[in-house]
C-alpha atoms as a PDB file:
ATOM      1  CA  UNK A   1      16.907  11.861 -15.187  1.00  0.00           C
ATOM      2  CA  UNK A   2      15.589  14.144 -12.444  1.00  0.00           C
ATOM      3  CA  UNK A   3      13.816  16.263 -15.044  1.00  0.00           C
ATOM      4  CA  UNK A   4      12.208  13.145 -16.530  1.00  0.00           C
ATOM      5  CA  UNK A   5      10.746  12.268 -13.115  1.00  0.00           C
ATOM      6  CA  UNK A   6       9.604  15.797 -12.337  1.00  0.00           C
ATOM      7  CA  UNK A   7       7.889  16.329 -15.687  1.00  0.00           C
ATOM      8  CA  UNK A   8       5.773  13.204 -15.622  1.00  0.00           C
ATOM      9  CA  UNK A   9       2.097  13.793 -15.010  1.00  0.00           C
ATOM     10  CA  UNK A  10      -1.136  11.967 -14.231  1.00  0.00           C
ATOM     11  CA  UNK A  11      -0.650   8.483 -12.709  1.00  0.00           C
ATOM     12  CA  UNK A  12       3.047   8.549 -13.644  1.00  0.00           C
ATOM     13  CA  UNK A  13       3.644  11.681 -11.582  1.00  0.00           C
ATOM     14  CA  UNK A  14       6.452  11.592  -9.013  1.00  0.00           C
ATOM     15  CA  UNK A  15       4.813  11.802  -5.557  1.00  0.00           C
ATOM     16  CA  UNK A  16       5.550  14.706  -3.254  1.00  0.00           C
ATOM     17  CA  UNK A  17       7.196  14.079   0.116  1.00  0.00           C
ATOM     18  CA  UNK A  18       3.848  14.522   1.885  1.00  0.00           C
ATOM     19  CA  UNK A  19       2.091  12.067  -0.430  1.00  0.00           C
ATOM     20  CA  UNK A  20       4.912   9.566  -0.010  1.00  0.00           C
ATOM     21  CA  UNK A  21       4.811   9.849   3.788  1.00  0.00           C
ATOM     22  CA  UNK A  22       1.039   9.612   3.989  1.00  0.00           C
ATOM     23  CA  UNK A  23       0.820   6.485   1.843  1.00  0.00           C
ATOM     24  CA  UNK A  24       3.815   4.726   3.395  1.00  0.00           C
ATOM     25  CA  UNK A  25       2.390   5.257   6.892  1.00  0.00           C
ATOM     26  CA  UNK A  26      -0.764   3.277   6.055  1.00  0.00           C
ATOM     27  CA  UNK A  27       0.515   0.859   3.402  1.00  0.00           C
ATOM     28  CA  UNK A  28       0.198  -2.893   3.918  1.00  0.00           C
ATOM     29  CA  UNK A  29       3.967  -3.392   3.869  1.00  0.00           C
ATOM     30  CA  UNK A  30       3.815  -7.031   4.973  1.00  0.00           C
ATOM     31  CA  UNK A  31       2.033  -8.043   1.740  1.00  0.00           C
ATOM     32  CA  UNK A  32       4.083  -5.618  -0.351  1.00  0.00           C
ATOM     33  CA  UNK A  33       6.033  -7.452  -3.036  1.00  0.00           C
ATOM     34  CA  UNK A  34       9.193  -5.392  -2.421  1.00  0.00           C
ATOM     35  CA  UNK A  35       9.058  -5.335   1.381  1.00  0.00           C
ATOM     36  CA  UNK A  36      12.561  -6.812   1.751  1.00  0.00           C
ATOM     37  CA  UNK A  37      14.019  -4.095  -0.460  1.00  0.00           C
ATOM     38  CA  UNK A  38      12.211  -1.440   1.588  1.00  0.00           C
ATOM     39  CA  UNK A  39      13.426  -2.767   4.951  1.00  0.00           C
ATOM     40  CA  UNK A  40      16.944  -3.418   3.642  1.00  0.00           C
ATOM     41  CA  UNK A  41      17.303   0.185   2.502  1.00  0.00           C
ATOM     42  CA  UNK A  42      15.984   1.528   5.816  1.00  0.00           C
ATOM     43  CA  UNK A  43      18.258  -0.727   7.877  1.00  0.00           C
ATOM     44  CA  UNK A  44      21.386   0.018   5.840  1.00  0.00           C
ATOM     45  CA  UNK A  45      20.994   3.753   5.227  1.00  0.00           C
ATOM     46  CA  UNK A  46      24.441   5.431   5.606  1.00  0.00           C
ATOM     47  CA  UNK A  47      25.887   2.139   6.823  1.00  0.00           C
ATOM     48  CA  UNK A  48      29.202   0.733   5.584  1.00  0.00           C
ATOM     49  CA  UNK A  49      28.826  -2.628   7.325  1.00  0.00           C
ATOM     50  CA  UNK A  50      25.851  -3.801   5.301  1.00  0.00           C
ATOM     51  CA  UNK A  51      23.332  -6.109   6.944  1.00  0.00           C
ATOM     52  CA  UNK A  52      22.112  -8.959   4.725  1.00  0.00           C
ATOM     53  CA  UNK A  53      18.441  -8.988   5.626  1.00  0.00           C
ATOM     54  CA  UNK A  54      17.769 -12.061   3.499  1.00  0.00           C
ATOM     55  CA  UNK A  55      19.043 -14.007   6.504  1.00  0.00           C
ATOM     56  CA  UNK A  56      16.257 -12.466   8.623  1.00  0.00           C
ATOM     57  CA  UNK A  57      12.493 -12.868   8.656  1.00  0.00           C
ATOM     58  CA  UNK A  58       9.688 -10.338   9.055  1.00  0.00           C
ATOM     59  CA  UNK A  59       8.467  -9.956  12.626  1.00  0.00           C
ATOM     60  CA  UNK A  60       5.133  -8.458  13.646  1.00  0.00           C
ATOM     61  CA  UNK A  61       5.801  -6.632  16.913  1.00  0.00           C
ATOM     62  CA  UNK A  62       2.094  -6.808  17.708  1.00  0.00           C
ATOM     63  CA  UNK A  63       1.371 -10.473  16.817  1.00  0.00           C
ATOM     64  CA  UNK A  64      -0.647 -11.608  13.819  1.00  0.00           C
ATOM     65  CA  UNK A  65      -2.757 -13.959  15.928  1.00  0.00           C
ATOM     66  CA  UNK A  66      -6.219 -12.310  16.222  1.00  0.00           C
ATOM     67  CA  UNK A  67      -6.738 -14.083  19.578  1.00  0.00           C
ATOM     68  CA  UNK A  68      -4.401 -11.775  21.444  1.00  0.00           C
ATOM     69  CA  UNK A  69      -3.368 -12.589  24.993  1.00  0.00           C
ATOM     70  CA  UNK A  70      -4.761 -10.620  27.955  1.00  0.00           C
ATOM     71  CA  UNK A  71      -1.397  -8.829  28.233  1.00  0.00           C
ATOM     72  CA  UNK A  72      -1.587  -7.643  24.634  1.00  0.00           C
ATOM     73  CA  UNK A  73      -5.215  -6.560  24.966  1.00  0.00           C
ATOM     74  CA  UNK A  74      -4.322  -4.564  28.064  1.00  0.00           C
ATOM     75  CA  UNK A  75      -1.383  -2.818  26.381  1.00  0.00           C
ATOM     76  CA  UNK A  76      -3.354  -1.989  23.227  1.00  0.00           C
ATOM     77  CA  UNK A  77      -6.303  -0.603  25.187  1.00  0.00           C
ATOM     78  CA  UNK A  78     -10.086  -0.974  25.036  1.00  0.00           C
ATOM     79  CA  UNK A  79     -10.158  -0.656  21.220  1.00  0.00           C
ATOM     80  CA  UNK A  80      -7.477  -3.350  20.804  1.00  0.00           C
ATOM     81  CA  UNK A  81      -9.374  -5.093  18.011  1.00  0.00           C
ATOM     82  CA  UNK A  82      -9.471  -1.951  15.876  1.00  0.00           C
ATOM     83  CA  UNK A  83      -5.795  -1.204  16.578  1.00  0.00           C
ATOM     84  CA  UNK A  84      -4.897  -4.759  15.586  1.00  0.00           C
ATOM     85  CA  UNK A  85      -6.911  -4.594  12.370  1.00  0.00           C
ATOM     86  CA  UNK A  86      -5.633  -1.142  11.381  1.00  0.00           C
ATOM     87  CA  UNK A  87      -1.899  -1.367  12.094  1.00  0.00           C
ATOM     88  CA  UNK A  88      -0.988  -5.078  11.987  1.00  0.00           C
ATOM     89  CA  UNK A  89       0.743  -5.091   8.587  1.00  0.00           C
ATOM     90  CA  UNK A  90       1.867  -1.451   8.502  1.00  0.00           C
ATOM     91  CA  UNK A  91       5.471  -0.264   8.594  1.00  0.00           C
ATOM     92  CA  UNK A  92       5.318   0.869  12.221  1.00  0.00           C
ATOM     93  CA  UNK A  93       4.510  -2.663  13.436  1.00  0.00           C
ATOM     94  CA  UNK A  94       7.090  -4.554  11.371  1.00  0.00           C
ATOM     95  CA  UNK A  95      10.722  -5.334  12.022  1.00  0.00           C
ATOM     96  CA  UNK A  96      13.351  -8.010  11.306  1.00  0.00           C
ATOM     97  CA  UNK A  97      14.622 -10.880  13.422  1.00  0.00           C
ATOM     98  CA  UNK A  98      16.218 -14.313  13.324  1.00  0.00           C
ATOM     99  CA  UNK A  99      14.166 -15.343  16.355  1.00  0.00           C
ATOM    100  CA  UNK A 100      10.696 -15.260  14.824  1.00  0.00           C
ATOM    101  CA  UNK A 101       9.560 -18.602  16.252  1.00  0.00           C
ATOM    102  CA  UNK A 102      10.971 -17.787  19.705  1.00  0.00           C
ATOM    103  CA  UNK A 103       9.339 -14.366  19.837  1.00  0.00           C
ATOM    104  CA  UNK A 104       6.014 -15.733  18.568  1.00  0.00           C
ATOM    105  CA  UNK A 105       2.996 -14.191  20.356  1.00  0.00           C
ATOM    106  CA  UNK A 106       4.810 -13.299  23.581  1.00  0.00           C
ATOM    107  CA  UNK A 107       3.964 -10.043  25.427  1.00  0.00           C
ATOM    108  CA  UNK A 108       6.013  -7.049  24.307  1.00  0.00           C
ATOM    109  CA  UNK A 109       8.318  -6.942  27.350  1.00  0.00           C
ATOM    110  CA  UNK A 110       9.222 -10.597  26.873  1.00  0.00           C
ATOM    111  CA  UNK A 111       9.958  -9.967  23.206  1.00  0.00           C
ATOM    112  CA  UNK A 112      12.132  -7.046  24.259  1.00  0.00           C
ATOM    113  CA  UNK A 113      14.137  -8.721  27.024  1.00  0.00           C
ATOM    114  CA  UNK A 114      14.519 -12.375  25.994  1.00  0.00           C
ATOM    115  CA  UNK A 115      17.693 -13.747  24.433  1.00  0.00           C
ATOM    116  CA  UNK A 116      17.594 -12.685  20.809  1.00  0.00           C
ATOM    117  CA  UNK A 117      14.859 -10.159  21.595  1.00  0.00           C
ATOM    118  CA  UNK A 118      14.689  -6.524  20.546  1.00  0.00           C
ATOM    119  CA  UNK A 119      17.093  -5.311  23.240  1.00  0.00           C
ATOM    120  CA  UNK A 120      19.565  -8.034  22.209  1.00  0.00           C
ATOM    121  CA  UNK A 121      19.367  -7.258  18.485  1.00  0.00           C
ATOM    122  CA  UNK A 122      22.203  -5.741  16.416  1.00  0.00           C
ATOM    123  CA  UNK A 123      19.716  -4.219  13.962  1.00  0.00           C
ATOM    124  CA  UNK A 124      19.043  -0.491  13.850  1.00  0.00           C
ATOM    125  CA  UNK A 125      15.377  -1.235  13.162  1.00  0.00           C
ATOM    126  CA  UNK A 126      15.133  -2.671  16.683  1.00  0.00           C
ATOM    127  CA  UNK A 127      17.189  -0.050  18.492  1.00  0.00           C
ATOM    128  CA  UNK A 128      14.289   2.128  19.662  1.00  0.00           C
ATOM    129  CA  UNK A 129      12.169  -0.895  20.584  1.00  0.00           C
ATOM    130  CA  UNK A 130      14.707  -1.758  23.275  1.00  0.00           C
ATOM    131  CA  UNK A 131      13.862   1.501  25.098  1.00  0.00           C
ATOM    132  CA  UNK A 132      10.075   1.072  25.239  1.00  0.00           C
ATOM    133  CA  UNK A 133       7.962  -0.213  28.115  1.00  0.00           C
ATOM    134  CA  UNK A 134       4.830  -0.973  26.108  1.00  0.00           C
ATOM    135  CA  UNK A 135       3.622  -1.339  22.545  1.00  0.00           C
ATOM    136  CA  UNK A 136       0.376   0.363  21.565  1.00  0.00           C
ATOM    137  CA  UNK A 137      -1.186   2.579  18.915  1.00  0.00           C
ATOM    138  CA  UNK A 138       0.808   5.629  20.011  1.00  0.00           C
ATOM    139  CA  UNK A 139       4.148   3.815  19.772  1.00  0.00           C
ATOM    140  CA  UNK A 140       3.249   2.212  16.432  1.00  0.00           C
ATOM    141  CA  UNK A 141       2.522   5.639  14.957  1.00  0.00           C
ATOM    142  CA  UNK A 142       5.686   7.154  16.465  1.00  0.00           C
ATOM    143  CA  UNK A 143       7.821   4.414  14.971  1.00  0.00           C
ATOM    144  CA  UNK A 144       6.052   4.696  11.609  1.00  0.00           C
ATOM    145  CA  UNK A 145       6.735   8.442  11.587  1.00  0.00           C
ATOM    146  CA  UNK A 146      10.411   7.843  12.387  1.00  0.00           C
ATOM    147  CA  UNK A 147      10.747   5.275   9.596  1.00  0.00           C
ATOM    148  CA  UNK A 148       8.969   7.351   6.940  1.00  0.00           C
ATOM    149  CA  UNK A 149      11.175  10.325   7.829  1.00  0.00           C
ATOM    150  CA  UNK A 150      14.151   8.026   7.283  1.00  0.00           C
ATOM    151  CA  UNK A 151      12.626   6.852   4.000  1.00  0.00           C
ATOM    152  CA  UNK A 152      12.577  10.459   2.785  1.00  0.00           C
ATOM    153  CA  UNK A 153      16.343  10.517   3.210  1.00  0.00           C
ATOM    154  CA  UNK A 154      16.781   7.196   1.404  1.00  0.00           C
ATOM    155  CA  UNK A 155      14.524   8.183  -1.497  1.00  0.00           C
ATOM    156  CA  UNK A 156      14.928  11.936  -1.846  1.00  0.00           C
ATOM    157  CA  UNK A 157      12.563  13.980  -3.953  1.00  0.00           C
ATOM    158  CA  UNK A 158      14.462  15.151  -7.070  1.00  0.00           C
ATOM    159  CA  UNK A 159      15.342  18.849  -6.999  1.00  0.00           C
ATOM    160  CA  UNK A 160      15.848  21.120 -10.005  1.00  0.00           C
ATOM    161  CA  UNK A 161      15.485  24.862 -10.422  1.00  0.00           C
ATOM    162  CA  UNK A 162      12.647  26.161 -12.580  1.00  0.00           C
ATOM    163  CA  UNK A 163      15.179  27.506 -15.087  1.00  0.00           C
ATOM    164  CA  UNK A 164      16.810  24.116 -15.581  1.00  0.00           C
ATOM    165  CA  UNK A 165      13.470  22.305 -15.629  1.00  0.00           C
ATOM    166  CA  UNK A 166      12.172  24.662 -18.310  1.00  0.00           C
ATOM    167  CA  UNK A 167      14.923  23.513 -20.661  1.00  0.00           C
ATOM    168  CA  UNK A 168      13.551  19.976 -20.566  1.00  0.00           C
ATOM    169  CA  UNK A 169       9.865  20.860 -20.744  1.00  0.00           C
ATOM    170  CA  UNK A 170       8.454  20.368 -24.225  1.00  0.00           C
ATOM    171  CA  UNK A 171       6.854  23.446 -25.672  1.00  0.00           C
ATOM    172  CA  UNK A 172       3.130  23.410 -25.022  1.00  0.00           C
ATOM    173  CA  UNK A 173       3.296  20.278 -22.860  1.00  0.00           C
ATOM    174  CA  UNK A 174       1.539  22.013 -19.993  1.00  0.00           C
ATOM    175  CA  UNK A 175      -1.607  22.375 -22.084  1.00  0.00           C
ATOM    176  CA  UNK A 176      -1.538  19.054 -23.918  1.00  0.00           C
ATOM    177  CA  UNK A 177      -3.452  17.055 -21.309  1.00  0.00           C
ATOM    178  CA  UNK A 178      -6.063  17.540 -18.635  1.00  0.00           C
ATOM    179  CA  UNK A 179      -5.362  16.196 -15.161  1.00  0.00           C
ATOM    180  CA  UNK A 180      -8.362  14.836 -13.287  1.00  0.00           C
ATOM    181  CA  UNK A 181      -8.594  14.279  -9.536  1.00  0.00           C
ATOM    182  CA  UNK A 182     -10.959  12.702  -7.048  1.00  0.00           C
ATOM    183  CA  UNK A 183     -12.851  16.010  -7.003  1.00  0.00           C
ATOM    184  CA  UNK A 184     -14.079  15.204 -10.522  1.00  0.00           C
ATOM    185  CA  UNK A 185     -16.043  12.268  -9.092  1.00  0.00           C
ATOM    186  CA  UNK A 186     -18.714  13.800  -6.809  1.00  0.00           C
ATOM    187  CA  UNK A 187     -20.207  10.364  -6.108  1.00  0.00           C
ATOM    188  CA  UNK A 188     -17.152   9.622  -3.946  1.00  0.00           C
ATOM    189  CA  UNK A 189     -18.310  10.960  -0.604  1.00  0.00           C
ATOM    190  CA  UNK A 190     -19.455   9.465   2.675  1.00  0.00           C
ATOM    191  CA  UNK A 191     -19.771   5.677   2.585  1.00  0.00           C
ATOM    192  CA  UNK A 192     -18.835   5.492  -1.103  1.00  0.00           C
ATOM    193  CA  UNK A 193     -15.616   7.406  -0.455  1.00  0.00           C
ATOM    194  CA  UNK A 194     -14.691   5.086   2.438  1.00  0.00           C
ATOM    195  CA  UNK A 195     -15.451   2.067   0.257  1.00  0.00           C
ATOM    196  CA  UNK A 196     -13.378   3.440  -2.629  1.00  0.00           C
ATOM    197  CA  UNK A 197     -10.412   4.288  -0.375  1.00  0.00           C
ATOM    198  CA  UNK A 198     -10.309   0.792   1.114  1.00  0.00           C
ATOM    199  CA  UNK A 199     -10.675  -0.941  -2.256  1.00  0.00           C
ATOM    200  CA  UNK A 200      -8.120   1.285  -3.997  1.00  0.00           C
ATOM    201  CA  UNK A 201      -5.636   0.658  -1.173  1.00  0.00           C
ATOM    202  CA  UNK A 202      -6.045  -3.092  -1.591  1.00  0.00           C
ATOM    203  CA  UNK A 203      -5.608  -2.842  -5.368  1.00  0.00           C
ATOM    204  CA  UNK A 204      -2.476  -0.672  -5.113  1.00  0.00           C
ATOM    205  CA  UNK A 205      -0.994  -3.135  -2.638  1.00  0.00           C
ATOM    206  CA  UNK A 206      -1.018  -5.866  -5.281  1.00  0.00           C
ATOM    207  CA  UNK A 207       2.380  -4.622  -6.439  1.00  0.00           C
ATOM    208  CA  UNK A 208       4.577  -1.529  -6.440  1.00  0.00           C
ATOM    209  CA  UNK A 209       4.051  -1.217 -10.199  1.00  0.00           C
ATOM    210  CA  UNK A 210       0.307  -0.595  -9.813  1.00  0.00           C
ATOM    211  CA  UNK A 211      -0.715   3.007 -10.445  1.00  0.00           C
ATOM    212  CA  UNK A 212      -4.044   4.749  -9.990  1.00  0.00           C
ATOM    213  CA  UNK A 213      -5.134   7.352 -12.548  1.00  0.00           C
ATOM    214  CA  UNK A 214      -8.244   9.518 -12.354  1.00  0.00           C
ATOM    215  CA  UNK A 215     -10.029   9.797 -15.679  1.00  0.00           C
ATOM    216  CA  UNK A 216     -12.997  12.004 -16.518  1.00  0.00           C
ATOM    217  CA  UNK A 217     -15.566   9.187 -16.187  1.00  0.00           C
ATOM    218  CA  UNK A 218     -13.749   6.484 -14.205  1.00  0.00           C
ATOM    219  CA  UNK A 219     -10.635   5.666 -12.171  1.00  0.00           C
ATOM    220  CA  UNK A 220      -8.070   3.397 -13.820  1.00  0.00           C
ATOM    221  CA  UNK A 221      -5.667   1.000 -12.120  1.00  0.00           C
ATOM    222  CA  UNK A 222      -2.824  -0.084 -14.341  1.00  0.00           C
ATOM    223  CA  UNK A 223       0.615  -1.560 -14.672  1.00  0.00           C
ATOM    224  CA  UNK A 224       1.595  -1.358 -18.347  1.00  0.00           C
ATOM    225  CA  UNK A 225      -2.128  -0.983 -19.158  1.00  0.00           C
ATOM    226  CA  UNK A 226      -5.456  -0.918 -17.324  1.00  0.00           C
ATOM    227  CA  UNK A 227      -6.409  -4.143 -15.558  1.00  0.00           C
ATOM    228  CA  UNK A 228      -9.375  -2.769 -13.579  1.00  0.00           C
ATOM    229  CA  UNK A 229     -11.407   0.435 -13.873  1.00  0.00           C
ATOM    230  CA  UNK A 230     -13.857   1.796 -11.288  1.00  0.00           C
ATOM    231  CA  UNK A 231     -16.906   3.863 -12.166  1.00  0.00           C
ATOM    232  CA  UNK A 232     -18.237   5.575  -8.999  1.00  0.00           C
ATOM    233  CA  UNK A 233     -22.010   5.542  -8.598  1.00  0.00           C
ATOM    234  CA  UNK A 234     -24.287   6.831  -5.845  1.00  0.00           C
ATOM    235  CA  UNK A 235     -24.809   3.484  -4.112  1.00  0.00           C
ATOM    236  CA  UNK A 236     -22.024   1.266  -5.459  1.00  0.00           C
ATOM    237  CA  UNK A 237     -18.739   1.099  -7.330  1.00  0.00           C
ATOM    238  CA  UNK A 238     -19.034  -0.442 -10.786  1.00  0.00           C
ATOM    239  CA  UNK A 239     -15.864  -2.318 -11.753  1.00  0.00           C
ATOM    240  CA  UNK A 240     -14.664  -3.352 -15.214  1.00  0.00           C
ATOM    241  CA  UNK A 241     -11.998  -6.049 -15.539  1.00  0.00           C
ATOM    242  CA  UNK A 242      -9.888  -5.878 -18.677  1.00  0.00           C
ATOM    243  CA  UNK A 243     -10.093  -9.548 -19.626  1.00  0.00           C
ATOM    244  CA  UNK A 244     -12.344 -11.867 -21.688  1.00  0.00           C
ATOM    245  CA  UNK A 245     -15.518 -12.890 -19.870  1.00  0.00           C
ATOM    246  CA  UNK A 246     -14.976 -16.593 -20.559  1.00  0.00           C
ATOM    247  CA  UNK A 247     -11.668 -16.520 -18.621  1.00  0.00           C
ATOM    248  CA  UNK A 248     -12.988 -15.161 -15.304  1.00  0.00           C
ATOM    249  CA  UNK A 249     -13.415 -17.576 -12.403  1.00  0.00           C
ATOM    250  CA  UNK A 250     -16.499 -16.351 -10.563  1.00  0.00           C
ATOM    251  CA  UNK A 251     -17.936 -18.981  -8.155  1.00  0.00           C
ATOM    252  CA  UNK A 252     -20.564 -16.544  -6.843  1.00  0.00           C
ATOM    253  CA  UNK A 253     -21.732 -15.639 -10.344  1.00  0.00           C
ATOM    254  CA  UNK A 254     -21.761 -11.873  -9.783  1.00  0.00           C
ATOM    255  CA  UNK A 255     -19.918 -10.915 -12.978  1.00  0.00           C
ATOM    256  CA  UNK A 256     -21.741  -9.682 -16.050  1.00  0.00           C
ATOM    257  CA  UNK A 257     -20.636 -10.125 -19.662  1.00  0.00           C
ATOM    258  CA  UNK A 258     -20.483  -6.636 -21.206  1.00  0.00           C
ATOM    259  CA  UNK A 259     -18.642  -7.610 -24.377  1.00  0.00           C
ATOM    260  CA  UNK A 260     -19.387  -5.055 -27.118  1.00  0.00           C
ATOM    261  CA  UNK A 261     -21.824  -3.121 -24.897  1.00  0.00           C
ATOM    262  CA  UNK A 262     -19.920   0.165 -24.962  1.00  0.00           C
ATOM    263  CA  UNK A 263     -19.488   0.885 -21.252  1.00  0.00           C
ATOM    264  CA  UNK A 264     -17.145   3.317 -19.498  1.00  0.00           C
ATOM    265  CA  UNK A 265     -13.973   1.509 -18.542  1.00  0.00           C
ATOM    266  CA  UNK A 266     -12.053  -1.259 -20.279  1.00  0.00           C
ATOM    267  CA  UNK A 267     -12.811  -4.960 -20.526  1.00  0.00           C
ATOM    268  CA  UNK A 268     -15.591  -7.494 -20.936  1.00  0.00           C
ATOM    269  CA  UNK A 269     -16.209  -8.306 -17.249  1.00  0.00           C
ATOM    270  CA  UNK A 270     -18.338  -6.085 -15.020  1.00  0.00           C
ATOM    271  CA  UNK A 271     -19.524  -6.332 -11.412  1.00  0.00           C
ATOM    272  CA  UNK A 272     -20.472  -4.048  -8.535  1.00  0.00           C
ATOM    273  CA  UNK A 273     -19.216  -3.494  -4.989  1.00  0.00           C
ATOM    274  CA  UNK A 274     -21.525  -1.782  -2.530  1.00  0.00           C
ATOM    275  CA  UNK A 275     -20.112  -2.614   0.923  1.00  0.00           C
ATOM    276  CA  UNK A 276     -16.824  -3.273   2.704  1.00  0.00           C
ATOM    277  CA  UNK A 277     -17.636  -6.939   3.304  1.00  0.00           C
ATOM    278  CA  UNK A 278     -17.663  -7.504  -0.471  1.00  0.00           C
ATOM    279  CA  UNK A 279     -14.066  -6.351  -0.934  1.00  0.00           C
ATOM    280  CA  UNK A 280     -12.361  -9.708  -0.309  1.00  0.00           C
ATOM    281  CA  UNK A 281     -14.319 -11.377  -3.125  1.00  0.00           C
ATOM    282  CA  UNK A 282     -13.799  -8.331  -5.344  1.00  0.00           C
ATOM    283  CA  UNK A 283     -10.045  -8.665  -4.842  1.00  0.00           C
ATOM    284  CA  UNK A 284     -10.279 -12.366  -5.782  1.00  0.00           C
ATOM    285  CA  UNK A 285     -11.721 -11.274  -9.137  1.00  0.00           C
ATOM    286  CA  UNK A 286      -9.430  -8.257  -9.606  1.00  0.00           C
ATOM    287  CA  UNK A 287      -6.314 -10.310  -8.930  1.00  0.00           C
ATOM    288  CA  UNK A 288      -7.197 -12.558 -11.886  1.00  0.00           C
ATOM    289  CA  UNK A 289      -7.124  -9.584 -14.242  1.00  0.00           C
ATOM    290  CA  UNK A 290      -3.932  -8.261 -12.655  1.00  0.00           C
ATOM    291  CA  UNK A 291      -2.154 -11.629 -12.997  1.00  0.00           C
ATOM    292  CA  UNK A 292      -3.290 -11.939 -16.597  1.00  0.00           C
ATOM    293  CA  UNK A 293      -1.783  -8.560 -17.508  1.00  0.00           C
ATOM    294  CA  UNK A 294       1.409  -9.238 -15.582  1.00  0.00           C
ATOM    295  CA  UNK A 295       1.908 -12.428 -17.580  1.00  0.00           C
ATOM    296  CA  UNK A 296       1.530 -10.408 -20.787  1.00  0.00           C
ATOM    297  CA  UNK A 297       4.261  -7.916 -19.852  1.00  0.00           C
END
């Protein structure tokens, strides 16, 4: 089994520890389909008295409410809006509680010290929170680092010696396919790279089954098969949705019917994204293709 994981390539490749840590640090865990599984495994690692987290709810330590109180703005610092936007749904800012409504948008110290608060919690996920005086970007990142280090113990990278691995490697398999990377798409730099990174993050957060694969001429996002492909261009990202044009719901009318036109990428629906403020609508369209393919699985 370990050999099977280690010998997979391309988008199926088993991530390294560094890749796993980097992505888990920034992932939108709150909207992650398997967030309960993730938090349950972290809470119960090496624990015999298992905590049933289904009886708990997700708590944002820094509140979801964008109209943060003066106390929260002070603790988060002068760039509080950016901190809130960047880290709100990430692992470092999430925990579990049965007192979600009581904790609400209260200042951090009140959340820590009140009855049922972090200092009064039996959960390991809240243990370090009980020791803190404030909650800000530095503490969010420290806690995220602690939790991803724990995750590396829960989900260990498979280890096999080269000699053993060689026994499972098919003869000639190393030369049977070409692996492409982001470096093969020179258009992805500057603003286009930032746009691609934000859009690809949102697409991958649709579900844990979503995988990104770099092709020679485009980047594919797939579950069992491609549901959206991105062709990088100098001033925009051209997207192809793998679904019939007559099935797309497109209130803004930005999609183009490319049926039988022979374009790079898969599918009959094409549209472009050229700025960050277009991503929300792009995800509305992409989700339709994703849901269609998930129903077919």
